[in-house]
Amino acid sequence: MDTALGMDRSGPRYPRVAGLPVLGSALEFNRAPFAFLLRCQQRHGPIFQLNLLLQRPLMLVGKDANIFWRTNERSHMVARPAFERMGKVLGSRRFIMSMDGLDHTRLREIFGQGMTPERLQHFMPGFIRQTRTHLEDWAGAGFRDANHGFKRLVYRQLGRALSPLPADEEYEDVVRVFDTALKIGILRVWPEFFALDPRNVRAHRRVRALCERLVARPAAREEDRTFVDYVIEARARGLLEDGDLLASLMAPFFAGIDTVSS
């Protein structure tokens, strides 16, 4: 079975993107993944297969592929095979992106309470002030990398809305932990031992310490509850274990960083 899409290998064969011996297209994919996938889609169509360091992921790229994915994901797709490797890098056995079925639905229902429009509306004045300050600082410092600037802004806004404690000092660590987990666990362009790089180990330790501070704080009143409180509730209900907290608490930050990068 294909590790990402659960397709029988005896089924249809799709165009295979040529690449270097052994490495395949890993270097090009790692250097500029979105531009590379766009070129592949223009040449091979919406479905094609890559060779990434001996991995053979089947890619669905473009508007039609995305529509198919969004309308058929629950009936045709499973998340666990694609994301369990990422969870392993993060030290989390279960988190929302790696779960399917009833447990996934229950977790979405709990987490969703911390992200309702009514709750987020409370933070809008702060979002606006934060955005203006960020852009003014950015403009005053001269030209800077737009991708980095907007990733940091989104990270700060998510921190304001989803967690009760400041986490700006850990920004670079969160980005490194996410990047490492993405490249080892999902894109698979890095071997697993890259997680042992001292810089990655140090970042992982700092992010885990941040998560421990978040869950150790006193319980909030109902009207003051944030996303963190609902993660703690999911653990209390047995949907998550202590080792799952890092991936669950950081998932919205990972999603925000990834969206800006895209």
Protein backbone atom coordinates (compact mmCIF):
# COMPACT_ATOMS: atom_id res chain seq x y z
CA MET A 1 0.00 0.00 0.00
CA ASP A 2 1.16 3.53 -0.70
CA THR A 3 2.17 5.13 2.60
CA ALA A 4 0.45 8.44 1.86
CA LEU A 5 -2.70 7.66 -0.07
CA GLY A 6 -3.43 4.00 0.65
CA MET A 7 -3.52 3.05 -3.03
CA ASP A 8 -2.90 -0.52 -4.12
CA ARG A 9 0.46 -0.73 -5.88
CA SER A 10 -1.05 -3.24 -8.31
CA GLY A 11 -3.38 -0.49 -9.56
CA PRO A 12 -2.81 2.22 -12.18
CA ARG A 13 0.68 3.53 -12.86
CA TYR A 14 1.19 7.27 -13.04
CA PRO A 15 3.88 9.40 -14.71
CA ARG A 16 7.13 9.16 -12.77
CA VAL A 17 9.34 12.24 -12.53
CA ALA A 18 12.91 11.42 -13.54
CA GLY A 19 15.72 12.46 -11.25
CA LEU A 20 19.25 11.66 -10.13
CA PRO A 21 20.28 8.14 -9.17
CA VAL A 22 19.34 7.36 -5.54
CA LEU A 23 18.57 11.00 -4.70
CA GLY A 24 15.87 11.31 -7.32
CA SER A 25 14.42 14.82 -7.20
CA ALA A 26 15.14 15.34 -3.50
CA LEU A 27 17.60 18.23 -3.94
CA GLU A 28 15.39 20.17 -6.35
CA PHE A 29 12.31 19.51 -4.24
CA ASN A 30 14.09 20.65 -1.07
CA ARG A 31 15.38 23.82 -2.73
CA ALA A 32 12.06 25.13 -4.12
CA PRO A 33 9.23 22.61 -3.56
CA PHE A 34 6.29 24.64 -4.85
CA ALA A 35 8.00 25.80 -8.04
CA PHE A 36 9.20 22.25 -8.64
CA LEU A 37 5.74 20.73 -8.17
CA LEU A 38 4.23 23.33 -10.50
CA ARG A 39 6.69 22.40 -13.25
CA CYS A 40 5.93 18.72 -12.72
CA GLN A 41 2.20 19.37 -12.89
CA GLN A 42 2.55 21.36 -16.12
CA ARG A 43 4.56 18.54 -17.69
CA HIS A 44 2.87 15.42 -16.29
CA GLY A 45 -0.63 16.50 -15.30
CA PRO A 46 -2.30 16.60 -11.86
CA ILE A 47 -1.13 13.14 -10.69
CA PHE A 48 2.48 12.02 -10.80
CA GLN A 49 5.02 10.12 -8.74
CA LEU A 50 8.29 11.43 -7.33
CA ASN A 51 11.50 9.74 -6.28
CA LEU A 52 12.75 11.39 -3.07
CA LEU A 53 15.67 9.54 -1.53
CA LEU A 54 14.12 6.20 -2.51
CA GLN A 55 10.67 7.27 -1.29
CA ARG A 56 7.94 7.17 -3.95
CA PRO A 57 5.19 9.64 -2.94
CA LEU A 58 2.22 10.02 -5.26
CA MET A 59 1.43 13.72 -5.73
CA LEU A 60 -1.94 15.35 -6.46
CA VAL A 61 -1.28 18.92 -7.62
CA GLY A 62 -3.46 21.72 -9.01
CA LYS A 63 -7.05 22.94 -8.80
CA ASP A 64 -8.77 19.72 -9.88
CA ALA A 65 -6.64 17.60 -7.57
CA ASN A 66 -7.37 19.90 -4.63
CA ILE A 67 -11.12 19.83 -5.32
CA PHE A 68 -11.02 16.03 -5.45
CA TRP A 69 -9.04 15.93 -2.21
CA ARG A 70 -11.38 18.27 -0.34
CA THR A 71 -14.56 16.53 -1.51
CA ASN A 72 -13.35 12.95 -1.04
CA GLU A 73 -10.84 13.11 1.79
CA ARG A 74 -13.00 11.28 4.34
CA SER A 75 -14.08 8.49 2.04
CA HIS A 76 -10.86 7.95 0.08
CA MET A 77 -8.01 9.19 2.28
CA VAL A 78 -6.51 8.34 5.65
CA ALA A 79 -4.17 10.62 7.60
CA ARG A 80 -2.26 8.24 9.85
CA PRO A 81 0.21 6.73 7.34
CA ALA A 82 1.22 10.18 6.09
CA PHE A 83 1.57 11.89 9.46
CA GLU A 84 2.66 9.21 11.91
CA ARG A 85 6.30 9.66 10.86
CA MET A 86 5.99 13.39 11.58
CA GLY A 87 4.53 12.55 14.97
CA LYS A 88 7.49 10.30 15.69
CA VAL A 89 9.90 13.20 15.03
CA LEU A 90 7.84 15.38 17.38
CA GLY A 91 7.73 12.65 20.03
CA SER A 92 3.93 12.45 19.81
CA ARG A 93 2.08 9.22 19.09
CA ARG A 94 -1.30 10.87 18.52
CA PHE A 95 -2.22 14.33 17.31
CA ILE A 96 -5.07 15.67 15.24
CA MET A 97 -3.31 15.44 11.87
CA SER A 98 -2.40 11.79 12.42
CA MET A 99 -5.83 10.62 13.58
CA ASP A 100 -8.78 9.23 11.63
CA GLY A 101 -12.32 8.21 12.40
CA LEU A 102 -14.25 8.90 15.60
CA ASP A 103 -11.24 10.01 17.68
CA HIS A 104 -10.36 12.61 15.04
CA THR A 105 -13.94 13.88 15.01
CA ARG A 106 -14.07 14.11 18.82
CA LEU A 107 -10.75 15.97 18.92
CA ARG A 108 -11.93 18.45 16.26
CA GLU A 109 -15.08 19.12 18.27
CA ILE A 110 -13.08 19.86 21.44
CA PHE A 111 -10.41 21.97 19.74
CA GLY A 112 -12.99 23.83 17.69
CA GLN A 113 -14.44 25.37 20.85
CA GLY A 114 -11.21 27.35 21.23
CA MET A 115 -11.40 28.74 17.68
CA THR A 116 -14.98 29.88 17.27
CA PRO A 117 -15.58 33.25 15.54
CA GLU A 118 -17.00 34.58 18.81
CA ARG A 119 -13.83 33.76 20.73
CA LEU A 120 -11.51 35.06 18.02
CA GLN A 121 -13.54 38.27 17.67
CA HIS A 122 -12.42 39.16 21.18
CA PHE A 123 -8.83 39.36 19.92
CA MET A 124 -9.45 41.46 16.79
CA PRO A 125 -8.50 44.86 18.27
CA GLY A 126 -5.24 43.33 19.48
CA PHE A 127 -4.64 41.73 16.08
CA ILE A 128 -5.05 45.10 14.37
CA ARG A 129 -2.69 46.91 16.77
CA GLN A 130 -0.17 44.10 16.52
CA THR A 131 -0.25 44.14 12.72
CA ARG A 132 0.23 47.91 12.55
CA THR A 133 3.12 47.82 15.01
CA HIS A 134 4.74 44.92 13.19
CA LEU A 135 4.50 46.61 9.79
CA GLU A 136 5.75 49.93 11.16
CA ASP A 137 8.76 48.21 12.72
CA TRP A 138 9.32 46.32 9.51
CA ALA A 139 9.18 49.49 7.39
CA GLY A 140 11.46 51.37 9.78
CA ALA A 141 14.11 48.66 9.58
CA GLY A 142 14.23 48.80 5.78
CA PHE A 143 13.57 45.97 3.35
CA ARG A 144 13.46 42.51 4.90
CA ASP A 145 12.45 39.05 3.81
CA ALA A 146 8.65 39.18 3.41
CA ASN A 147 8.19 35.47 4.07
CA HIS A 148 10.02 35.67 7.37
CA GLY A 149 8.22 38.87 8.38
CA PHE A 150 4.73 37.55 7.77
CA LYS A 151 5.50 34.18 9.37
CA ARG A 152 6.54 35.98 12.53
CA LEU A 153 3.44 38.18 12.46
CA VAL A 154 1.11 35.19 12.07
CA TYR A 155 2.98 33.37 14.84
CA ARG A 156 2.50 36.33 17.20
CA GLN A 157 -1.20 36.61 16.36
CA LEU A 158 -1.75 32.91 16.91
CA GLY A 159 0.10 33.18 20.20
CA ARG A 160 -2.19 36.00 21.30
CA ALA A 161 -5.35 34.08 20.37
CA LEU A 162 -4.46 30.52 21.29
CA SER A 163 -2.18 30.60 24.31
CA PRO A 164 -2.21 32.45 27.63
CA LEU A 165 1.56 32.93 27.86
CA PRO A 166 3.98 34.92 25.65
CA ALA A 167 6.04 32.68 23.39
CA ASP A 168 7.83 35.15 21.14
CA GLU A 169 11.26 34.09 22.39
CA GLU A 170 10.61 30.56 21.16
CA TYR A 171 9.65 31.62 17.62
CA GLU A 172 12.88 30.44 15.96
CA ASP A 173 12.71 27.19 17.92
CA VAL A 174 9.13 26.50 16.84
CA VAL A 175 10.03 27.18 13.20
CA ARG A 176 13.04 24.84 13.43
CA VAL A 177 11.02 22.06 15.09
CA PHE A 178 8.30 22.33 12.46
CA ASP A 179 10.77 22.50 9.57
CA THR A 180 12.64 19.44 10.86
CA ALA A 181 9.44 17.41 11.37
CA LEU A 182 8.13 18.44 7.95
CA LYS A 183 11.29 17.54 6.04
CA ILE A 184 11.82 14.24 7.86
CA GLY A 185 8.24 13.16 8.42
CA ILE A 186 6.21 14.47 5.46
CA LEU A 187 8.47 15.60 2.62
CA ARG A 188 11.05 12.94 3.55
CA VAL A 189 13.93 14.86 2.04
CA TRP A 190 15.95 14.55 5.27
CA PRO A 191 16.97 11.23 6.87
CA GLU A 192 15.74 10.59 10.41
CA PHE A 193 19.15 11.11 12.01
CA PHE A 194 18.97 14.81 11.10
CA ALA A 195 16.66 15.14 14.12
CA LEU A 196 19.76 14.51 16.25
CA ASP A 197 21.49 17.66 15.01
CA PRO A 198 22.33 19.58 18.24
CA ARG A 199 20.47 22.65 16.93
CA ASN A 200 17.33 20.58 16.37
CA VAL A 201 17.65 18.83 19.74
CA ARG A 202 18.06 22.20 21.50
CA ALA A 203 15.05 23.71 19.70
CA HIS A 204 12.91 20.65 20.50
CA ARG A 205 13.88 20.89 24.19
CA ARG A 206 12.94 24.60 24.35
CA VAL A 207 9.59 24.05 22.63
CA ARG A 208 8.79 21.14 24.97
CA ALA A 209 9.61 23.38 27.95
CA LEU A 210 7.21 26.00 26.54
CA CYS A 211 4.46 23.38 26.29
CA GLU A 212 5.09 22.30 29.87
CA ARG A 213 4.69 25.92 31.04
CA LEU A 214 1.45 26.23 29.11
CA VAL A 215 -0.18 23.16 30.65
CA ALA A 216 1.14 23.88 34.17
CA ARG A 217 -0.65 27.19 34.56
CA PRO A 218 -3.84 27.39 36.69
CA ALA A 219 -7.10 26.46 34.99
CA ALA A 220 -8.83 29.42 33.33
CA ARG A 221 -12.41 30.56 33.88
CA GLU A 222 -14.81 29.46 31.15
CA GLU A 223 -14.91 32.89 29.51
CA ASP A 224 -11.12 33.10 29.51
CA ARG A 225 -10.41 29.65 28.09
CA THR A 226 -8.02 29.42 25.14
CA PHE A 227 -7.01 26.67 22.74
CA VAL A 228 -4.51 25.43 25.33
CA ASP A 229 -7.33 24.72 27.79
CA TYR A 230 -9.11 22.55 25.23
CA VAL A 231 -5.94 20.56 24.54
CA ILE A 232 -5.71 19.93 28.29
CA GLU A 233 -9.39 18.89 28.26
CA ALA A 234 -8.68 16.40 25.45
CA ARG A 235 -5.91 14.89 27.56
CA ALA A 236 -8.25 14.64 30.54
CA ARG A 237 -10.79 12.77 28.37
CA GLY A 238 -8.16 10.24 27.33
CA LEU A 239 -7.87 11.34 23.69
CA LEU A 240 -4.28 12.49 24.19
CA GLU A 241 -1.38 11.41 26.38
CA ASP A 242 1.32 13.58 27.95
CA GLY A 243 3.71 12.83 25.09
CA ASP A 244 1.14 14.06 22.57
CA LEU A 245 0.93 17.58 23.96
CA LEU A 246 3.80 19.13 21.98
CA ALA A 247 2.35 18.26 18.57
CA SER A 248 -1.19 19.20 19.65
CA LEU A 249 -0.27 22.53 21.23
CA MET A 250 2.00 23.53 18.36
CA ALA A 251 -0.25 22.31 15.52
CA PRO A 252 -1.97 25.71 14.94
CA PHE A 253 1.41 27.45 14.90
CA PHE A 254 2.74 24.87 12.45
CA ALA A 255 -0.33 25.35 10.24
CA GLY A 256 0.03 29.15 10.32
CA ILE A 257 3.73 29.02 9.47
CA ASP A 258 3.09 26.53 6.66
CA THR A 259 0.25 28.62 5.21
CA VAL A 260 2.42 31.74 5.05
CA SER A 261 5.28 29.76 3.50
CA SER A 262 2.90 28.55 0.80
